[in-house]
Amino acid sequence: METEVELSENARLWLIHKGGETRIVIILSFAETDTENALTTKDTTVTVGTEKGRKQRAENMMIETIAGSTHYNELVQTLQNLNQHCSLGKPLVRDLSATINVY
């Protein structure tokens, strides 16, 4: 992974040393915000079989329901819902920041 300074230097090199072939350089950078300290996951208490009140993560419950007949869109929706409610062990994607530089 290159730093912003290194990317800027690469853009300069592309513009200067390509004999006019490169006229514009666009650099997009995305960074995932570190929210791990603020993230708390929730355990959901459910009835599983005959063991009432057994604690099980909502994430694990979802995994157990996946079968060959599970539709892709249904799985995506379930994952998004669990992610929104901080019910996954680790979030799918944390908050992102984006930067665009045009040279």
N, C-alpha and C. Protein backbone atom coordinates (compact mmCIF):
# COMPACT_ATOMS: atom_id res chain seq x y z
N MET A 1 0.84 -1.17 0.00
CA MET A 1 0.00 0.00 0.00
C MET A 1 0.90 1.24 0.00
N GLU A 2 0.59 2.16 -0.90
CA GLU A 2 1.40 3.37 -1.02
C GLU A 2 0.78 4.51 -0.21
N THR A 3 1.66 5.38 0.29
CA THR A 3 1.17 6.55 1.03
C THR A 3 0.67 7.59 0.03
N GLU A 4 -0.01 8.58 0.55
CA GLU A 4 -0.52 9.65 -0.30
C GLU A 4 0.62 10.40 -1.00
N VAL A 5 1.72 10.58 -0.30
CA VAL A 5 2.89 11.25 -0.87
C VAL A 5 3.45 10.43 -2.03
N GLU A 6 3.56 9.12 -1.84
CA GLU A 6 4.07 8.24 -2.90
C GLU A 6 3.14 8.23 -4.12
N LEU A 7 1.84 8.23 -3.88
CA LEU A 7 0.88 8.28 -4.99
C LEU A 7 1.00 9.59 -5.76
N SER A 8 1.17 10.70 -5.04
CA SER A 8 1.35 12.00 -5.70
C SER A 8 2.61 12.03 -6.54
N GLU A 9 3.68 11.44 -6.03
CA GLU A 9 4.93 11.37 -6.78
C GLU A 9 4.76 10.51 -8.03
N ASN A 10 4.04 9.40 -7.91
CA ASN A 10 3.77 8.56 -9.08
C ASN A 10 2.95 9.32 -10.12
N ALA A 11 1.99 10.10 -9.68
CA ALA A 11 1.17 10.90 -10.61
C ALA A 11 2.07 11.88 -11.36
N ARG A 12 2.96 12.53 -10.63
CA ARG A 12 3.89 13.48 -11.26
C ARG A 12 4.75 12.78 -12.30
N LEU A 13 5.25 11.60 -11.97
CA LEU A 13 6.08 10.84 -12.92
C LEU A 13 5.30 10.47 -14.17
N TRP A 14 4.06 10.05 -14.02
CA TRP A 14 3.22 9.70 -15.17
C TRP A 14 3.02 10.91 -16.08
N LEU A 15 2.80 12.06 -15.48
CA LEU A 15 2.53 13.27 -16.27
C LEU A 15 3.79 13.80 -16.96
N ILE A 16 4.92 13.71 -16.30
CA ILE A 16 6.15 14.28 -16.84
C ILE A 16 6.86 13.35 -17.82
N HIS A 17 6.93 12.08 -17.50
CA HIS A 17 7.78 11.16 -18.25
C HIS A 17 7.06 10.31 -19.29
N LYS A 18 5.87 10.64 -19.63
CA LYS A 18 5.16 9.86 -20.65
C LYS A 18 5.01 10.63 -21.96
N GLY A 19 5.76 11.69 -22.12
CA GLY A 19 5.80 12.43 -23.39
C GLY A 19 4.44 12.96 -23.83
N GLY A 20 3.62 13.35 -22.91
CA GLY A 20 2.32 13.91 -23.27
C GLY A 20 1.24 12.86 -23.48
N GLU A 21 1.59 11.57 -23.40
CA GLU A 21 0.58 10.53 -23.57
C GLU A 21 -0.42 10.51 -22.42
N THR A 22 0.06 10.82 -21.23
CA THR A 22 -0.82 10.88 -20.06
C THR A 22 -1.16 12.33 -19.81
N ARG A 23 -2.44 12.65 -19.83
CA ARG A 23 -2.86 14.03 -19.65
C ARG A 23 -3.53 14.27 -18.32
N ILE A 24 -4.03 13.22 -17.71
CA ILE A 24 -4.70 13.37 -16.43
C ILE A 24 -4.44 12.11 -15.61
N VAL A 25 -4.23 12.29 -14.32
CA VAL A 25 -4.07 11.17 -13.39
C VAL A 25 -5.09 11.39 -12.28
N ILE A 26 -5.87 10.36 -12.03
CA ILE A 26 -6.87 10.42 -10.96
C ILE A 26 -6.50 9.38 -9.91
N ILE A 27 -6.39 9.83 -8.69
CA ILE A 27 -6.07 8.92 -7.59
C ILE A 27 -7.25 8.89 -6.64
N LEU A 28 -7.81 7.71 -6.47
CA LEU A 28 -8.88 7.50 -5.50
C LEU A 28 -8.31 6.70 -4.34
N SER A 29 -8.53 7.16 -3.14
CA SER A 29 -8.09 6.38 -1.99
C SER A 29 -9.24 6.23 -1.00
N PHE A 30 -9.36 5.02 -0.50
CA PHE A 30 -10.41 4.71 0.46
C PHE A 30 -9.74 4.20 1.72
N ALA A 31 -10.26 4.62 2.85
CA ALA A 31 -9.72 4.16 4.13
C ALA A 31 -10.87 3.73 5.02
N GLU A 32 -10.72 2.58 5.63
CA GLU A 32 -11.72 2.08 6.56
C GLU A 32 -11.41 2.71 7.92
N THR A 33 -12.40 3.36 8.48
CA THR A 33 -12.23 4.00 9.78
C THR A 33 -12.11 2.93 10.85
N ASP A 34 -11.15 3.08 11.73
CA ASP A 34 -10.97 2.12 12.81
C ASP A 34 -11.96 2.41 13.91
N THR A 35 -13.05 1.67 13.91
CA THR A 35 -14.08 1.86 14.94
C THR A 35 -14.14 0.65 15.85
N GLU A 36 -13.09 -0.17 15.84
CA GLU A 36 -13.12 -1.42 16.60
C GLU A 36 -13.36 -1.18 18.09
N ASN A 37 -12.78 -0.12 18.64
CA ASN A 37 -12.97 0.15 20.06
C ASN A 37 -14.40 0.54 20.38
N ALA A 38 -15.07 1.19 19.42
CA ALA A 38 -16.43 1.62 19.64
C ALA A 38 -17.44 0.53 19.31
N LEU A 39 -16.99 -0.52 18.64
CA LEU A 39 -17.90 -1.57 18.19
C LEU A 39 -18.18 -2.55 19.30
N THR A 40 -19.44 -2.77 19.57
CA THR A 40 -19.82 -3.83 20.50
C THR A 40 -20.79 -4.74 19.79
N THR A 41 -20.52 -6.02 19.84
CA THR A 41 -21.42 -6.96 19.20
C THR A 41 -22.40 -7.47 20.22
N LYS A 42 -23.55 -7.90 19.76
CA LYS A 42 -24.61 -8.34 20.64
C LYS A 42 -24.81 -9.84 20.50
N ASP A 43 -25.01 -10.50 21.63
CA ASP A 43 -25.41 -11.90 21.61
C ASP A 43 -26.93 -11.94 21.70
N THR A 44 -27.54 -12.81 20.95
CA THR A 44 -28.98 -12.94 20.97
C THR A 44 -29.33 -14.26 21.66
N THR A 45 -30.25 -14.20 22.63
CA THR A 45 -30.68 -15.41 23.31
C THR A 45 -31.86 -15.98 22.54
N VAL A 46 -31.76 -17.25 22.19
CA VAL A 46 -32.80 -17.89 21.39
C VAL A 46 -33.09 -19.28 21.95
N THR A 47 -34.19 -19.86 21.50
CA THR A 47 -34.50 -21.23 21.85
C THR A 47 -33.98 -22.10 20.72
N VAL A 48 -33.05 -23.00 21.03
CA VAL A 48 -32.47 -23.88 20.04
C VAL A 48 -32.80 -25.31 20.46
N GLY A 49 -33.57 -26.01 19.62
CA GLY A 49 -33.97 -27.39 19.94
C GLY A 49 -34.70 -27.43 21.26
N THR A 50 -34.24 -28.26 22.17
CA THR A 50 -34.87 -28.36 23.48
C THR A 50 -34.10 -27.58 24.54
N GLU A 51 -33.00 -26.96 24.13
CA GLU A 51 -32.19 -26.21 25.09
C GLU A 51 -32.66 -24.76 25.12
N LYS A 52 -33.60 -24.46 26.00
CA LYS A 52 -34.14 -23.10 26.06
C LYS A 52 -33.11 -22.14 26.64
N GLY A 53 -33.07 -20.95 26.04
CA GLY A 53 -32.22 -19.90 26.56
C GLY A 53 -30.74 -20.07 26.27
N ARG A 54 -30.36 -21.02 25.44
CA ARG A 54 -28.95 -21.18 25.07
C ARG A 54 -28.50 -19.94 24.32
N LYS A 55 -27.38 -19.37 24.74
CA LYS A 55 -26.89 -18.16 24.07
C LYS A 55 -26.20 -18.53 22.78
N GLN A 56 -26.56 -17.84 21.73
CA GLN A 56 -25.95 -18.08 20.43
C GLN A 56 -25.95 -16.77 19.67
N ARG A 57 -24.85 -16.48 19.01
CA ARG A 57 -24.77 -15.27 18.20
C ARG A 57 -25.76 -15.34 17.05
N ALA A 58 -26.34 -14.18 16.73
CA ALA A 58 -27.24 -14.09 15.57
C ALA A 58 -26.50 -14.51 14.31
N GLU A 59 -25.21 -14.20 14.27
CA GLU A 59 -24.37 -14.56 13.13
C GLU A 59 -24.34 -16.09 12.95
N ASN A 60 -24.15 -16.83 14.05
CA ASN A 60 -24.11 -18.28 13.98
C ASN A 60 -25.47 -18.86 13.60
N MET A 61 -26.53 -18.25 14.10
CA MET A 61 -27.87 -18.71 13.74
C MET A 61 -28.09 -18.58 12.24
N MET A 62 -27.65 -17.47 11.66
CA MET A 62 -27.80 -17.24 10.24
C MET A 62 -27.01 -18.28 9.44
N ILE A 63 -25.79 -18.56 9.88
CA ILE A 63 -24.94 -19.53 9.18
C ILE A 63 -25.60 -20.90 9.16
N GLU A 64 -26.24 -21.28 10.26
CA GLU A 64 -26.89 -22.59 10.35
C GLU A 64 -28.08 -22.72 9.40
N THR A 65 -28.66 -21.59 8.99
CA THR A 65 -29.84 -21.64 8.11
C THR A 65 -29.47 -21.69 6.63
N ILE A 66 -28.19 -21.50 6.31
CA ILE A 66 -27.77 -21.49 4.91
C ILE A 66 -27.83 -22.91 4.35
N ALA A 67 -28.49 -23.04 3.22
CA ALA A 67 -28.59 -24.33 2.55
C ALA A 67 -28.36 -24.10 1.06
N GLY A 68 -28.30 -25.17 0.30
CA GLY A 68 -28.12 -25.05 -1.14
C GLY A 68 -29.23 -24.27 -1.80
N SER A 69 -30.40 -24.24 -1.17
CA SER A 69 -31.55 -23.54 -1.76
C SER A 69 -31.63 -22.08 -1.32
N THR A 70 -30.71 -21.64 -0.45
CA THR A 70 -30.74 -20.25 0.01
C THR A 70 -30.44 -19.32 -1.16
N HIS A 71 -31.34 -18.38 -1.39
CA HIS A 71 -31.17 -17.43 -2.49
C HIS A 71 -30.13 -16.39 -2.11
N TYR A 72 -29.28 -16.03 -3.07
CA TYR A 72 -28.20 -15.06 -2.87
C TYR A 72 -28.72 -13.75 -2.27
N ASN A 73 -29.78 -13.19 -2.84
CA ASN A 73 -30.31 -11.91 -2.36
C ASN A 73 -30.81 -12.00 -0.93
N GLU A 74 -31.37 -13.14 -0.57
CA GLU A 74 -31.84 -13.36 0.79
C GLU A 74 -30.66 -13.35 1.76
N LEU A 75 -29.57 -14.01 1.38
CA LEU A 75 -28.37 -14.06 2.20
C LEU A 75 -27.75 -12.67 2.36
N VAL A 76 -27.69 -11.92 1.27
CA VAL A 76 -27.14 -10.56 1.32
C VAL A 76 -27.97 -9.69 2.26
N GLN A 77 -29.28 -9.76 2.14
CA GLN A 77 -30.16 -8.95 2.99
C GLN A 77 -29.97 -9.30 4.46
N THR A 78 -29.86 -10.58 4.76
CA THR A 78 -29.66 -11.01 6.14
C THR A 78 -28.34 -10.50 6.69
N LEU A 79 -27.28 -10.62 5.90
CA LEU A 79 -25.97 -10.12 6.33
C LEU A 79 -25.99 -8.61 6.56
N GLN A 80 -26.65 -7.87 5.66
CA GLN A 80 -26.73 -6.43 5.82
C GLN A 80 -27.50 -6.06 7.09
N ASN A 81 -28.57 -6.77 7.36
CA ASN A 81 -29.34 -6.50 8.58
C ASN A 81 -28.53 -6.78 9.83
N LEU A 82 -27.84 -7.92 9.85
CA LEU A 82 -27.01 -8.25 10.99
C LEU A 82 -25.90 -7.22 11.17
N ASN A 83 -25.30 -6.79 10.07
CA ASN A 83 -24.24 -5.79 10.12
C ASN A 83 -24.76 -4.47 10.68
N GLN A 84 -25.94 -4.05 10.23
CA GLN A 84 -26.52 -2.79 10.71
C GLN A 84 -26.79 -2.81 12.21
N HIS A 85 -27.12 -3.96 12.73
CA HIS A 85 -27.45 -4.07 14.15
C HIS A 85 -26.26 -4.53 14.99
N CYS A 86 -25.06 -4.44 14.41
CA CYS A 86 -23.82 -4.82 15.11
C CYS A 86 -23.92 -6.23 15.68
N SER A 87 -24.52 -7.13 14.92
CA SER A 87 -24.70 -8.51 15.38
C SER A 87 -23.71 -9.48 14.75
N LEU A 88 -22.75 -8.97 14.02
CA LEU A 88 -21.71 -9.82 13.46
C LEU A 88 -20.48 -9.75 14.35
N GLY A 89 -19.71 -10.83 14.39
CA GLY A 89 -18.48 -10.84 15.18
C GLY A 89 -17.55 -9.71 14.76
N LYS A 90 -17.45 -9.51 13.45
CA LYS A 90 -16.70 -8.39 12.88
C LYS A 90 -17.59 -7.76 11.82
N PRO A 91 -17.62 -6.44 11.73
CA PRO A 91 -18.47 -5.81 10.72
C PRO A 91 -18.01 -6.13 9.30
N LEU A 92 -18.95 -6.14 8.36
CA LEU A 92 -18.60 -6.36 6.96
C LEU A 92 -17.69 -5.26 6.47
N VAL A 93 -18.11 -4.03 6.67
CA VAL A 93 -17.32 -2.85 6.31
C VAL A 93 -17.59 -1.80 7.38
N ARG A 94 -16.53 -1.23 7.86
CA ARG A 94 -16.70 -0.13 8.82
C ARG A 94 -16.92 1.15 8.03
N ASP A 95 -17.01 2.25 8.73
CA ASP A 95 -17.17 3.54 8.05
C ASP A 95 -15.98 3.78 7.14
N LEU A 96 -16.26 4.32 5.96
CA LEU A 96 -15.20 4.58 4.99
C LEU A 96 -15.03 6.08 4.78
N SER A 97 -13.80 6.46 4.52
CA SER A 97 -13.55 7.82 4.06
C SER A 97 -12.94 7.69 2.67
N ALA A 98 -13.24 8.64 1.80
CA ALA A 98 -12.73 8.58 0.43
C ALA A 98 -12.09 9.92 0.09
N THR A 99 -10.99 9.83 -0.68
CA THR A 99 -10.28 11.02 -1.14
C THR A 99 -10.05 10.87 -2.64
N ILE A 100 -10.26 11.96 -3.39
CA ILE A 100 -9.98 11.96 -4.80
C ILE A 100 -9.01 13.09 -5.09
N ASN A 101 -7.94 12.77 -5.82
CA ASN A 101 -6.96 13.77 -6.25
C ASN A 101 -6.86 13.69 -7.76
N VAL A 102 -6.93 14.83 -8.41
CA VAL A 102 -6.82 14.89 -9.86
C VAL A 102 -5.62 15.74 -10.21
N TYR A 103 -4.74 15.18 -11.03
CA TYR A 103 -3.52 15.88 -11.45
C TYR A 103 -3.53 16.05 -12.95
